[in-house]
Protein backbone atom coordinates (compact mmCIF):
# COMPACT_ATOMS: atom_id res chain seq x y z
CA UNK A 1 0.02 0.02 0.02
CA UNK A 2 1.24 3.49 -0.55
CA UNK A 3 2.43 5.58 2.26
CA UNK A 4 0.08 8.25 3.31
CA UNK A 5 0.93 11.89 2.51
CA UNK A 6 2.04 13.87 5.41
CA UNK A 7 3.11 17.51 6.01
CA UNK A 8 6.61 16.41 5.85
CA UNK A 9 6.11 15.10 2.49
CA UNK A 10 4.32 18.19 1.14
CA UNK A 11 6.80 20.68 2.32
CA UNK A 12 9.51 19.94 -0.24
CA UNK A 13 6.95 19.96 -2.99
CA UNK A 14 5.62 23.38 -2.01
CA UNK A 15 9.21 24.69 -1.88
CA UNK A 16 9.87 23.36 -5.30
CA UNK A 17 6.73 24.86 -6.72
CA UNK A 18 7.59 28.25 -5.19
CA UNK A 19 11.05 28.30 -6.74
CA UNK A 20 9.73 27.26 -10.13
CA UNK A 21 7.17 30.15 -9.98
CA UNK A 22 9.86 32.73 -9.13
CA UNK A 23 12.08 31.56 -11.94
CA UNK A 24 9.07 31.83 -14.35
CA UNK A 25 8.15 35.30 -13.15
CA UNK A 26 11.76 36.65 -13.48
CA UNK A 27 12.12 35.34 -17.08
CA UNK A 28 8.85 36.95 -18.21
CA UNK A 29 9.74 40.38 -16.68
CA UNK A 30 13.06 40.40 -18.67
CA UNK A 31 11.17 39.39 -21.89
CA UNK A 32 8.63 42.18 -21.48
CA UNK A 33 11.38 44.72 -20.79
CA UNK A 34 13.03 43.96 -24.09
CA UNK A 35 9.80 44.47 -26.08
CA UNK A 36 8.94 47.82 -24.40
CA UNK A 37 10.66 49.73 -27.20
CA UNK A 38 8.98 47.82 -29.96
CA UNK A 39 5.82 49.03 -31.75
CA UNK A 40 2.75 47.61 -30.17
CA UNK A 41 0.98 45.03 -32.24
CA UNK A 42 -1.68 46.30 -34.50
CA UNK A 43 -5.05 44.84 -33.76
CA UNK A 44 -6.56 42.72 -36.46
CA UNK A 45 -9.72 44.85 -36.50
CA UNK A 46 -7.74 47.95 -37.26
CA UNK A 47 -5.82 46.21 -40.18
CA UNK A 48 -9.19 45.24 -41.63
CA UNK A 49 -10.48 48.88 -41.30
CA UNK A 50 -7.37 50.30 -43.00
CA UNK A 51 -7.66 47.88 -45.86
CA UNK A 52 -11.24 48.93 -46.40
CA UNK A 53 -10.40 52.63 -46.49
CA UNK A 54 -7.51 52.01 -48.95
CA UNK A 55 -9.90 50.29 -51.34
CA UNK A 56 -12.74 52.89 -51.11
CA UNK A 57 -13.20 55.39 -54.02
CA UNK A 58 -12.31 59.04 -53.51
CA UNK A 59 -14.99 61.28 -51.94
CA UNK A 60 -17.48 62.70 -54.54
CA UNK A 61 -17.41 66.45 -55.37
CA UNK A 62 -20.20 68.30 -53.41
CA UNK A 63 -23.37 68.62 -55.28
CA UNK A 64 -23.18 72.45 -55.25
CA UNK A 65 -19.90 72.48 -57.11
CA UNK A 66 -19.89 72.31 -60.90
CA UNK A 67 -17.53 69.90 -62.73
CA UNK A 68 -14.47 71.34 -64.41
CA UNK A 69 -15.06 72.35 -68.06
CA UNK A 70 -14.08 69.66 -70.45
CA UNK A 71 -11.35 70.41 -73.03
CA UNK A 72 -12.69 71.27 -76.46
CA UNK A 73 -11.30 72.04 -79.86
CA UNK A 74 -9.07 75.09 -80.16
CA UNK A 75 -11.68 76.94 -82.24
CA UNK A 76 -13.69 78.47 -80.66
CA UNK A 77 -11.91 78.63 -77.21
CA UNK A 78 -13.72 77.00 -74.25
CA UNK A 79 -15.67 79.56 -72.31
CA UNK A 80 -15.89 79.56 -68.51
CA UNK A 81 -18.52 81.15 -66.39
CA UNK A 82 -17.51 84.17 -64.17
CA UNK A 83 -16.08 83.32 -60.78
CA UNK A 84 -19.23 84.99 -59.24
CA UNK A 85 -21.30 82.05 -60.61
CA UNK A 86 -18.95 79.44 -59.15
CA UNK A 87 -18.54 80.55 -55.61
CA UNK A 88 -19.31 77.10 -54.35
CA UNK A 89 -16.72 75.32 -56.55
CA UNK A 90 -13.32 74.40 -55.29
CA UNK A 91 -10.62 76.85 -56.05
CA UNK A 92 -8.71 74.26 -58.09
CA UNK A 93 -11.55 74.09 -60.55
CA UNK A 94 -10.95 77.73 -61.59
CA UNK A 95 -7.50 76.96 -62.98
CA UNK A 96 -7.19 76.67 -66.76
CA UNK A 97 -6.94 73.17 -68.19
CA UNK A 98 -3.51 72.06 -69.50
CA UNK A 99 -3.25 72.80 -73.20
CA UNK A 100 -6.29 75.09 -73.23
CA UNK A 101 -5.95 78.53 -75.12
CA UNK A 102 -5.10 81.51 -72.88
CA UNK A 103 -7.95 83.58 -74.31
CA UNK A 104 -11.08 83.51 -72.20
CA UNK A 105 -14.53 85.05 -72.28
CA UNK A 106 -14.45 88.46 -70.46
CA UNK A 107 -15.85 88.59 -66.95
CA UNK A 108 -19.53 89.15 -66.85
CA UNK A 109 -20.17 87.46 -70.29
CA UNK A 110 -21.59 83.94 -70.33
CA UNK A 111 -21.00 81.32 -72.92
CA UNK A 112 -24.17 82.21 -74.76
CA UNK A 113 -22.95 85.84 -75.00
CA UNK A 114 -19.64 84.98 -76.54
CA UNK A 115 -19.13 87.30 -79.61
CA UNK A 116 -18.86 85.57 -82.97
CA UNK A 117 -15.61 85.61 -84.83
CA UNK A 118 -14.65 88.83 -86.69
CA UNK A 119 -15.21 87.06 -90.04
CA UNK A 120 -18.75 86.17 -89.05
CA UNK A 121 -19.49 89.72 -87.96
CA UNK A 122 -18.27 91.07 -91.31
CA UNK A 123 -20.29 88.66 -93.22
CA UNK A 124 -23.37 89.39 -91.17
CA UNK A 125 -22.87 93.13 -91.68
CA UNK A 126 -22.40 92.64 -95.47
CA UNK A 127 -25.53 90.51 -95.66
CA UNK A 128 -27.55 93.17 -93.82
CA UNK A 129 -26.25 95.98 -96.16
CA UNK A 130 -28.50 96.46 -99.24
CA UNK A 131 -26.67 95.21 -102.36
CA UNK A 132 -26.53 97.41 -105.41
CA UNK A 133 -28.48 96.05 -108.29
CA UNK A 134 -27.48 98.67 -110.85
CA UNK A 135 -27.52 97.42 -114.36
CA UNK A 136 -27.23 99.95 -117.10
CA UNK A 137 -29.66 102.46 -115.54
CA UNK A 138 -32.21 100.10 -113.98
CA UNK A 139 -33.79 100.79 -110.61
CA UNK A 140 -31.26 100.20 -107.86
CA UNK A 141 -31.53 99.55 -104.12
CA UNK A 142 -31.21 102.26 -101.56
CA UNK A 143 -27.85 101.20 -100.25
CA UNK A 144 -25.10 102.64 -102.37
CA UNK A 145 -22.04 102.33 -100.14
CA UNK A 146 -19.52 99.52 -100.20
CA UNK A 147 -17.73 99.72 -96.85
CA UNK A 148 -16.84 96.08 -96.99
CA UNK A 149 -15.51 95.91 -100.51
CA UNK A 150 -12.16 97.52 -100.90
CA UNK A 151 -12.10 96.73 -104.66
CA UNK A 152 -15.45 98.43 -105.38
CA UNK A 153 -15.37 100.83 -108.30
CA UNK A 154 -18.43 103.04 -108.96
CA UNK A 155 -20.09 102.51 -112.28
CA UNK A 156 -18.99 104.82 -115.17
CA UNK A 157 -21.14 106.89 -117.49
CA UNK A 158 -20.41 104.36 -120.17
CA UNK A 159 -22.48 101.85 -118.13
CA UNK A 160 -25.18 104.10 -116.72
CA UNK A 161 -26.15 106.37 -119.66
CA UNK A 162 -28.47 105.36 -122.40
CA UNK A 163 -26.67 105.29 -125.73
CA UNK A 164 -29.32 107.57 -127.35
CA UNK A 165 -32.40 109.27 -126.06
CA UNK A 166 -34.86 112.02 -127.04
CA UNK A 167 -36.90 113.91 -124.42
CA UNK A 168 -39.56 116.65 -125.02
CA UNK A 169 -40.89 118.90 -122.35
CA UNK A 170 -43.69 121.42 -122.13
CA UNK A 171 -42.53 124.68 -120.51
CA UNK A 172 -44.76 126.55 -118.12
CA UNK A 173 -44.26 129.87 -116.49
CA UNK A 174 -45.79 130.36 -113.04
CA UNK A 175 -47.04 126.81 -112.90
CA UNK A 176 -49.99 127.27 -115.40
CA UNK A 177 -49.06 129.44 -118.45
CA UNK A 178 -47.77 127.28 -121.21
CA UNK A 179 -45.10 129.27 -123.06
CA UNK A 180 -43.04 126.76 -125.01
CA UNK A 181 -41.23 123.44 -125.42
CA UNK A 182 -37.67 122.15 -124.90
CA UNK A 183 -36.22 119.08 -126.66
CA UNK A 184 -33.17 117.14 -125.60
CA UNK A 185 -31.23 114.67 -127.74
CA UNK A 186 -28.04 112.91 -126.95
CA UNK A 187 -26.01 110.05 -128.41
CA UNK A 188 -22.74 108.39 -127.22
CA UNK A 189 -20.66 105.35 -128.31
CA UNK A 190 -18.96 104.74 -124.93
CA UNK A 191 -16.04 107.04 -125.79
CA UNK A 192 -17.50 110.30 -127.07
CA UNK A 193 -20.79 112.03 -126.76
CA UNK A 194 -22.79 114.76 -128.39
CA UNK A 195 -25.87 116.48 -126.89
CA UNK A 196 -28.21 119.05 -128.41
CA UNK A 197 -31.17 121.06 -126.97
CA UNK A 198 -33.71 123.35 -128.61
CA UNK A 199 -35.95 125.63 -126.66
CA UNK A 200 -38.64 127.72 -128.35
CA UNK A 201 -41.76 129.59 -127.48
CA UNK A 202 -45.12 128.23 -128.88
CA UNK A 203 -48.69 129.22 -129.13
CA UNK A 204 -49.60 132.68 -128.13
CA UNK A 205 -46.21 133.27 -126.63
CA UNK A 206 -44.60 132.20 -129.95
CA UNK A 207 -46.62 134.76 -131.84
CA UNK A 208 -46.02 137.60 -129.53
CA UNK A 209 -42.45 136.89 -128.56
CA UNK A 210 -40.83 134.44 -130.90
CA UNK A 211 -37.72 132.79 -129.42
CA UNK A 212 -35.49 129.84 -130.38
CA UNK A 213 -32.28 128.85 -128.69
CA UNK A 214 -30.08 126.00 -129.74
CA UNK A 215 -27.43 124.56 -127.51
CA UNK A 216 -24.87 121.87 -128.18
CA UNK A 217 -22.07 120.10 -126.21
CA UNK A 218 -19.59 117.51 -127.25
CA UNK A 219 -16.75 115.71 -125.58
CA UNK A 220 -15.52 112.52 -124.00
CA UNK A 221 -16.86 109.81 -121.62
CA UNK A 222 -14.40 108.72 -119.00
CA UNK A 223 -14.62 106.45 -116.00
CA UNK A 224 -14.83 109.49 -113.79
CA UNK A 225 -17.51 111.37 -115.71
CA UNK A 226 -18.19 113.42 -118.76
CA UNK A 227 -15.37 115.61 -120.10
CA UNK A 228 -16.86 118.33 -122.40
CA UNK A 229 -14.59 119.86 -125.03
CA UNK A 230 -16.84 122.47 -126.52
CA UNK A 231 -20.14 124.08 -125.76
CA UNK A 232 -22.03 126.51 -128.06
CA UNK A 233 -25.29 128.48 -127.84
CA UNK A 234 -26.97 130.00 -130.82
CA UNK A 235 -29.88 132.41 -130.10
CA UNK A 236 -32.37 133.14 -132.84
CA UNK A 237 -35.02 135.86 -132.83
CA UNK A 238 -33.88 137.10 -129.45
CA UNK A 239 -31.57 139.40 -127.68
CA UNK A 240 -29.20 136.83 -125.91
CA UNK A 241 -25.87 136.88 -127.68
CA UNK A 242 -24.23 133.72 -128.96
CA UNK A 243 -22.01 131.96 -126.37
CA UNK A 244 -19.10 129.54 -126.55
CA UNK A 245 -17.04 127.61 -123.99
CA UNK A 246 -13.84 125.78 -124.83
CA UNK A 247 -12.34 123.27 -122.32
CA UNK A 248 -8.55 122.80 -122.44
CA UNK A 249 -8.04 119.73 -120.21
CA UNK A 250 -4.43 119.41 -121.22
CA UNK A 251 -3.56 122.74 -119.81
CA UNK A 252 -6.40 122.96 -117.20
CA UNK A 253 -7.90 126.07 -118.65
CA UNK A 254 -11.52 127.00 -119.67
CA UNK A 255 -12.19 129.87 -122.09
CA UNK A 256 -15.60 131.63 -122.06
CA UNK A 257 -16.99 133.86 -124.70
CA UNK A 258 -20.31 135.78 -125.03
CA UNK A 259 -20.62 138.13 -128.02
CA UNK A 260 -17.58 140.33 -127.74
CA UNK A 261 -16.71 139.40 -124.11
CA UNK A 262 -13.86 136.98 -123.34
CA UNK A 263 -12.59 135.47 -120.13
CA UNK A 264 -10.35 132.59 -119.10
CA UNK A 265 -10.22 130.57 -115.87
CA UNK A 266 -8.43 127.64 -114.29
CA UNK A 267 -10.28 124.50 -115.24
CA UNK A 268 -11.42 122.49 -112.19
CA UNK A 269 -11.84 118.69 -112.24
CA UNK A 270 -15.36 117.45 -113.18
CA UNK A 271 -16.43 120.80 -114.71
CA UNK A 272 -19.46 120.75 -117.05
CA UNK A 273 -21.23 123.07 -119.40
CA UNK A 274 -24.88 124.19 -119.50
CA UNK A 275 -26.22 120.96 -121.01
CA UNK A 276 -23.60 118.25 -120.40
CA UNK A 277 -24.48 118.78 -116.70
CA UNK A 278 -27.77 116.84 -117.28
CA UNK A 279 -25.92 113.66 -118.40
CA UNK A 280 -23.55 114.10 -115.47
CA UNK A 281 -26.46 114.32 -113.05
CA UNK A 282 -28.13 111.26 -114.51
CA UNK A 283 -25.26 108.96 -113.94
CA UNK A 284 -24.11 110.45 -110.63
CA UNK A 285 -27.60 110.07 -109.22
CA UNK A 286 -27.36 106.33 -109.75
CA UNK A 287 -24.04 106.25 -107.82
CA UNK A 288 -25.78 107.97 -104.98
CA UNK A 289 -24.87 110.75 -102.37
CA UNK A 290 -24.27 114.45 -102.76
CA UNK A 291 -21.77 115.76 -105.29
CA UNK A 292 -20.71 119.06 -106.76
CA UNK A 293 -18.92 120.44 -109.76
CA UNK A 294 -18.48 123.79 -111.55
CA UNK A 295 -20.64 124.82 -114.64
CA UNK A 296 -19.45 127.03 -117.43
CA UNK A 297 -21.65 129.22 -119.65
CA UNK A 298 -20.46 131.90 -122.02
CA UNK A 299 -20.66 134.55 -119.30
CA UNK A 300 -19.77 132.80 -116.04
CA UNK A 301 -18.02 129.88 -114.44
CA UNK A 302 -19.42 128.95 -111.01
CA UNK A 303 -19.87 126.03 -108.79
CA UNK A 304 -23.07 123.96 -108.27
CA UNK A 305 -24.06 121.74 -105.40
CA UNK A 306 -26.32 118.76 -105.98
CA UNK A 307 -28.34 117.42 -103.03
CA UNK A 308 -30.66 114.42 -103.56
CA UNK A 309 -33.58 113.74 -101.26
CA UNK A 310 -32.95 111.06 -98.63
CA UNK A 311 -35.74 108.91 -99.97
CA UNK A 312 -37.59 108.49 -103.33
CA UNK A 313 -41.13 109.84 -103.75
CA UNK A 314 -43.91 109.74 -106.27
CA UNK A 315 -44.81 112.41 -108.91
CA UNK A 316 -47.88 112.74 -111.05
CA UNK A 317 -46.81 113.10 -114.65
CA UNK A 318 -48.23 112.91 -118.16
CA UNK A 319 -47.28 109.20 -118.01
CA UNK A 320 -49.10 108.71 -114.70
CA UNK A 321 -47.76 108.52 -111.21
CA UNK A 322 -44.00 107.68 -111.24
CA UNK A 323 -41.41 106.79 -108.69
CA UNK A 324 -38.87 109.65 -108.68
CA UNK A 325 -35.68 110.82 -107.14
CA UNK A 326 -35.54 114.57 -106.70
CA UNK A 327 -32.22 116.41 -106.68
CA UNK A 328 -31.88 119.99 -105.64
CA UNK A 329 -29.26 122.04 -107.49
CA UNK A 330 -27.95 124.92 -105.49
CA UNK A 331 -25.94 127.79 -106.86
CA UNK A 332 -24.35 131.06 -105.79
CA UNK A 333 -26.57 134.19 -105.43
CA UNK A 334 -27.42 135.47 -108.82
CA UNK A 335 -27.70 132.13 -110.46
CA UNK A 336 -30.96 130.18 -110.94
CA UNK A 337 -31.90 127.53 -108.42
CA UNK A 338 -32.99 124.24 -110.03
CA UNK A 339 -34.71 121.00 -109.08
CA UNK A 340 -34.79 117.92 -111.19
CA UNK A 341 -36.97 114.76 -110.87
CA UNK A 342 -35.37 111.52 -112.23
CA UNK A 343 -37.45 108.34 -112.87
CA UNK A 344 -35.52 105.18 -111.89
CA UNK A 345 -38.08 102.98 -113.70
CA UNK A 346 -37.35 104.99 -116.91
CA UNK A 347 -33.70 104.49 -116.88
CA UNK A 348 -33.23 107.52 -114.58
CA UNK A 349 -34.33 109.99 -117.25
CA UNK A 350 -35.56 113.38 -116.13
CA UNK A 351 -39.34 113.80 -116.07
CA UNK A 352 -39.51 117.31 -114.56
CA UNK A 353 -37.10 120.23 -114.33
CA UNK A 354 -38.05 123.34 -112.44
CA UNK A 355 -36.04 126.69 -112.54
CA UNK A 356 -36.38 129.61 -110.13
CA UNK A 357 -34.61 132.75 -111.22
CA UNK A 358 -33.24 135.43 -109.00
CA UNK A 359 -36.51 137.42 -109.16
CA UNK A 360 -38.50 134.36 -107.89
CA UNK A 361 -40.15 133.53 -111.22
CA UNK A 362 -40.64 129.87 -111.78
CA UNK A 363 -40.23 128.04 -115.09
CA UNK A 364 -41.37 124.42 -115.13
CA UNK A 365 -40.47 121.75 -117.66
CA UNK A 366 -42.84 118.75 -117.55
CA UNK A 367 -42.26 115.66 -119.65
CA UNK A 368 -44.32 115.32 -122.80
CA UNK A 369 -42.53 112.52 -124.66
CA UNK A 370 -39.66 110.07 -124.29
CA UNK A 371 -37.90 107.99 -126.94
CA UNK A 372 -35.20 105.46 -125.87
CA UNK A 373 -34.35 101.79 -126.52
CA UNK A 374 -36.75 101.75 -129.40
CA UNK A 375 -39.63 102.81 -127.09
CA UNK A 376 -41.81 105.88 -127.33
CA UNK A 377 -43.75 107.11 -124.37
CA UNK A 378 -46.16 110.02 -124.90
CA UNK A 379 -48.02 111.98 -122.20
CA UNK A 380 -51.82 111.92 -122.17
CA UNK A 381 -53.07 115.19 -123.78
CA UNK A 382 -53.67 117.92 -121.20
CA UNK A 383 -51.96 116.16 -118.28
CA UNK A 384 -48.81 118.17 -118.46
CA UNK A 385 -50.77 121.44 -118.09
CA UNK A 386 -52.24 120.65 -114.65
CA UNK A 387 -52.36 123.75 -112.40
CA UNK A 388 -51.54 124.13 -108.74
CA UNK A 389 -54.26 125.15 -106.37
CA UNK A 390 -54.58 129.00 -106.16
CA UNK A 391 -52.93 129.76 -109.45
CA UNK A 392 -54.66 132.05 -111.88
CA UNK A 393 -55.88 130.65 -115.18
CA UNK A 394 -55.95 134.07 -116.85
CA UNK A 395 -53.64 134.10 -119.91
CA UNK A 396 -50.44 136.11 -119.35
CA UNK A 397 -48.16 137.51 -121.86
CA UNK A 398 -44.54 136.50 -121.20
CA UNK A 399 -41.94 139.13 -120.59
CA UNK A 400 -39.75 140.23 -123.33
CA UNK A 401 -36.59 138.11 -123.32
CA UNK A 402 -33.71 139.92 -121.62
CA UNK A 403 -30.49 139.28 -119.74
CA UNK A 404 -32.50 137.53 -116.94
CA UNK A 405 -33.83 134.82 -119.22
CA UNK A 406 -33.91 131.47 -117.32
CA UNK A 407 -30.97 129.19 -117.40
CA UNK A 408 -32.51 126.73 -119.79
CA UNK A 409 -33.26 129.54 -122.29
CA UNK A 410 -29.73 130.99 -122.20
């Protein structure tokens, strides 16, 4: 049988157990002291959390911020809204994109307000400008400027003047008294021209005071206008003396003669004589705008200013109501004041010419007949003699022709 355990037997065992525990506790303390300077172990849960954060996508841009503008083609440059409209966006979004053009839409202007390229503006302005439709004297549009065409050249008289035309006017004094007729005839071949007029009293005036005046002008047609060479006036059955004007363009001199009187003057560019001025007016009216030139007769050489109305109007004529362009011809004191009405639908031919002399007497030429381009237009009988309200219908005897005879009779 085994020997029973006694206190004597347990004492050594307890001592051994105590020593063993002391040894174990001393070794663990030294082990822990060595590991005090080492990083503490990372908990497994923390490792899992970090791995999750590393795999998560970047945080989304706040809903109030606008995405940065996407790069676009160099033309047109990308436009960005003003900073005031992007107050909520991050500051980095306001930086220009790499490779984007430096030009930007000015502050305060949105993408929709970006101005079009200069070329588009020019094309838009040209499209909105009336285009001239001049074709050898036909009706043209109101716009007569060519600000966008550096190569534009105004049409010349060769293009704008009818090759040959005959016009006949009834002449009235004071608006109602029919005293005579005036006939115009011209012809040109594109290089030279010749024009003739005949004015004579008719009816009762012709019986009481017979008068006939023939005028002629000849010269050249150039791109810049008519260039008269010689003007003559032959007065028959009347006091006015014969007149003559010679234009010396080579030496820039103009010589005037009236009866025995002679004078010479420097010749100014664009100068005309008493009847070539009508052809000059016809083609210049088609070019448009105001113009001026000097006019020579046998007794004086003075400037004239031509002022067209801003808009066309209508005029009752022997051919019916016509579209007309009125031009006022202004002269120095002592010269007659003239108004002329041109009909664009009749190749810009004159249909009325009114003269006011220095005494205030009015002489009115109203169209009676036109021949051009193998066409003949005749006024309805009696229509050219229409009177103005308030005018007397009592026949009047015209004054005896004298030095104050109207410009178209001199």
